Amino acid sequence: MLVSFGPPWGHPLGLHLYSIVPFSHLVFPDAALVRWRSTFKTDGARTVLDRGLNKMIVVGSSGSSQRESPFTFETLDAVPIRKLRPIANRLTREFTTSIVRCRLVPRD
C-alpha cells in the first residue's frame, strides 16, 4: 500500500488553516489557536482534532497507530521543503519535511 500525507505536524504550517504564522502551533496552546480560528470559521470546532487534524509527525510515524496496524513500513521517505533542503537531515526532519511518502507491506 502506498500512503502519502502532509504537511506533517512539525512543518512550519502544520496546523493548516488554523494559523498563517509559521510554527504557531508549536508555540501557542491549541485553545488559543481554535479561538482565533473561530473568528472567521463557524463550524463549531473546539479542538484541532475536531477538524480532522491528527498531529501526525514524521519521527512518530512508527508510533502506537502503526504498531496496531496489520502493516509495517517497507520505506518511509520524508520529502524536505524545497527551500530548507540544505539543512534537512535526521535531526531537523520534523521541521523541514513537506510531505511523507510510505510504502506499507502486510506484517508477517
Foldseek 3Di string as FASTA:
>chain_A
DKDKDDDALQELCNLPPLDPGGPVPVVDPQQVSVVVSCVPDVPPDRGSVVVPRDNGFQVCPCPDVVVPDQKDFPDKDFAFDVVCVVVDDPVCSRHGGGMIMTDIDGDD
